[in-house]
Amino acid sequence: MKEESPVLTPVILGIDDLRPLPWTTQIARSSGEGIKLLQEHRDSFIDELWLDHDLGGDDSILPVVTLMEEAAFHERPFRIGTVFVHSANPIGSETVVRSLTRWGYSVQRATA
């Protein structure tokens, strides 16, 4: 009898201050929480990462983007299938897409 392989649940992370993002496996509501979430998954594959630009008040996704850029600069980028940027801020979204694409991440604009 052949043993069945376990079905792996995709790792889908979200960083958004308001949206529920029900398809995600974990969600962070601030840039600080987002950094901790990425660090928790540092040595594993992240299937999808959903990013909102504006995270309430003066907070934005930029500290998370900086962490990802620095990781790539040090030749140890986060292993992420696709980064989806789903912000209502078109200029902020474009900044995130451009920054992460430059460092080799697969990035798409999306609607959440």
Protein backbone atom coordinates (compact mmCIF):
# COMPACT_ATOMS: atom_id res chain seq x y z
CA MET A 1 0.00 0.00 0.00
CA LYS A 2 1.36 3.40 -1.02
CA GLU A 3 1.65 6.07 1.65
CA GLU A 4 -0.10 9.34 0.78
CA SER A 5 1.87 12.58 0.85
CA PRO A 6 0.58 15.16 3.30
CA VAL A 7 -1.28 18.06 1.72
CA LEU A 8 0.63 21.24 2.46
CA THR A 9 -1.34 24.37 3.22
CA PRO A 10 0.00 27.34 1.25
CA VAL A 11 1.58 30.08 3.35
CA ILE A 12 -0.26 33.29 2.49
CA LEU A 13 0.68 36.32 4.58
CA GLY A 14 -1.02 39.71 4.62
CA ILE A 15 -0.03 43.10 5.97
CA ASP A 16 -3.03 45.44 6.03
CA ASP A 17 -4.48 47.65 8.75
CA LEU A 18 -8.16 47.27 7.80
CA ARG A 19 -9.05 44.61 5.25
CA PRO A 20 -9.93 41.15 6.60
CA LEU A 21 -8.02 39.23 3.84
CA PRO A 22 -9.81 35.95 4.71
CA TRP A 23 -7.67 33.87 2.32
CA THR A 24 -4.48 34.63 4.26
CA THR A 25 -3.04 32.17 6.77
CA GLN A 26 -1.66 35.01 8.94
CA ILE A 27 -2.19 38.77 8.96
CA ALA A 28 -0.30 41.71 10.46
CA ARG A 29 -1.96 45.07 11.09
CA SER A 30 1.12 47.35 11.23
CA SER A 31 4.59 47.57 9.73
CA GLY A 32 6.10 46.42 13.03
CA GLU A 33 3.85 43.35 13.12
CA GLY A 34 4.62 42.78 9.42
CA ILE A 35 8.36 42.75 10.07
CA LYS A 36 7.89 40.23 12.89
CA LEU A 37 5.67 38.09 10.65
CA LEU A 38 8.27 38.01 7.87
CA GLN A 39 11.04 37.23 10.35
CA GLU A 40 8.99 34.30 11.70
CA HIS A 41 8.91 32.91 8.14
CA ARG A 42 12.52 33.81 7.31
CA ASP A 43 13.64 30.28 6.53
CA SER A 44 10.49 29.00 4.86
CA PHE A 45 8.76 29.56 1.52
CA ILE A 46 5.93 32.11 1.46
CA ASP A 47 3.51 31.36 -1.37
CA GLU A 48 1.91 34.81 -1.37
CA LEU A 49 2.53 38.08 0.45
CA TRP A 50 -0.25 40.71 0.32
CA LEU A 51 0.84 44.28 1.07
CA ASP A 52 -1.20 47.43 1.66
CA HIS A 53 0.76 50.68 1.44
CA ASP A 54 -1.04 52.84 4.03
CA LEU A 55 -1.28 51.17 7.44
CA GLY A 56 -3.08 53.84 9.47
CA GLY A 57 -1.81 57.10 10.94
CA ASP A 58 1.80 57.71 9.96
CA ASP A 59 2.50 53.99 9.43
CA SER A 60 3.15 52.56 5.98
CA ILE A 61 4.50 49.38 4.41
CA LEU A 62 7.87 51.04 3.69
CA PRO A 63 9.72 49.56 6.73
CA VAL A 64 8.69 46.09 5.48
CA VAL A 65 9.81 46.95 1.95
CA THR A 66 13.16 48.16 3.35
CA LEU A 67 13.60 44.85 5.21
CA MET A 68 12.94 42.93 2.00
CA GLU A 69 15.29 45.15 -0.02
CA GLU A 70 18.08 44.77 2.55
CA ALA A 71 17.64 40.98 2.55
CA ALA A 72 18.01 40.94 -1.24
CA PHE A 73 20.99 43.31 -1.10
CA HIS A 74 22.74 40.86 1.24
CA GLU A 75 21.95 38.06 -1.25
CA ARG A 76 19.45 36.41 1.05
CA PRO A 77 16.06 37.57 -0.24
CA PHE A 78 12.88 36.27 1.31
CA ARG A 79 11.59 33.27 -0.63
CA ILE A 80 8.21 34.48 -1.84
CA GLY A 81 6.19 33.16 -4.76
CA THR A 82 4.32 36.39 -5.51
CA VAL A 83 3.97 39.71 -3.71
CA PHE A 84 0.58 41.33 -4.30
CA VAL A 85 0.27 45.09 -3.67
CA HIS A 86 -3.35 45.99 -3.02
CA SER A 87 -3.39 49.63 -1.96
CA ALA A 88 -5.85 52.40 -2.75
CA ASN A 89 -2.80 54.71 -2.86
CA PRO A 90 -1.61 54.59 -6.50
CA ILE A 91 1.68 56.42 -5.92
CA GLY A 92 2.51 54.35 -2.83
CA SER A 93 1.60 51.14 -4.68
CA GLU A 94 3.81 52.01 -7.62
CA THR A 95 6.71 52.78 -5.27
CA VAL A 96 6.39 49.35 -3.63
CA VAL A 97 6.05 47.52 -6.96
CA ARG A 98 9.08 49.31 -8.43
CA SER A 99 11.24 48.85 -5.33
CA LEU A 100 10.59 45.14 -4.88
CA THR A 101 10.74 44.34 -8.61
CA ARG A 102 14.17 45.98 -8.76
CA TRP A 103 15.38 43.45 -6.17
CA GLY A 104 14.05 40.42 -8.03
CA TYR A 105 10.78 39.79 -6.23
CA SER A 106 7.79 38.76 -8.34
CA VAL A 107 5.30 41.59 -7.74
CA GLN A 108 1.80 42.30 -9.04
CA ARG A 109 -0.76 45.03 -8.47
CA ALA A 110 -3.99 43.52 -7.18
CA THR A 111 -7.39 44.39 -5.79
CA ALA A 112 -8.23 43.14 -2.31
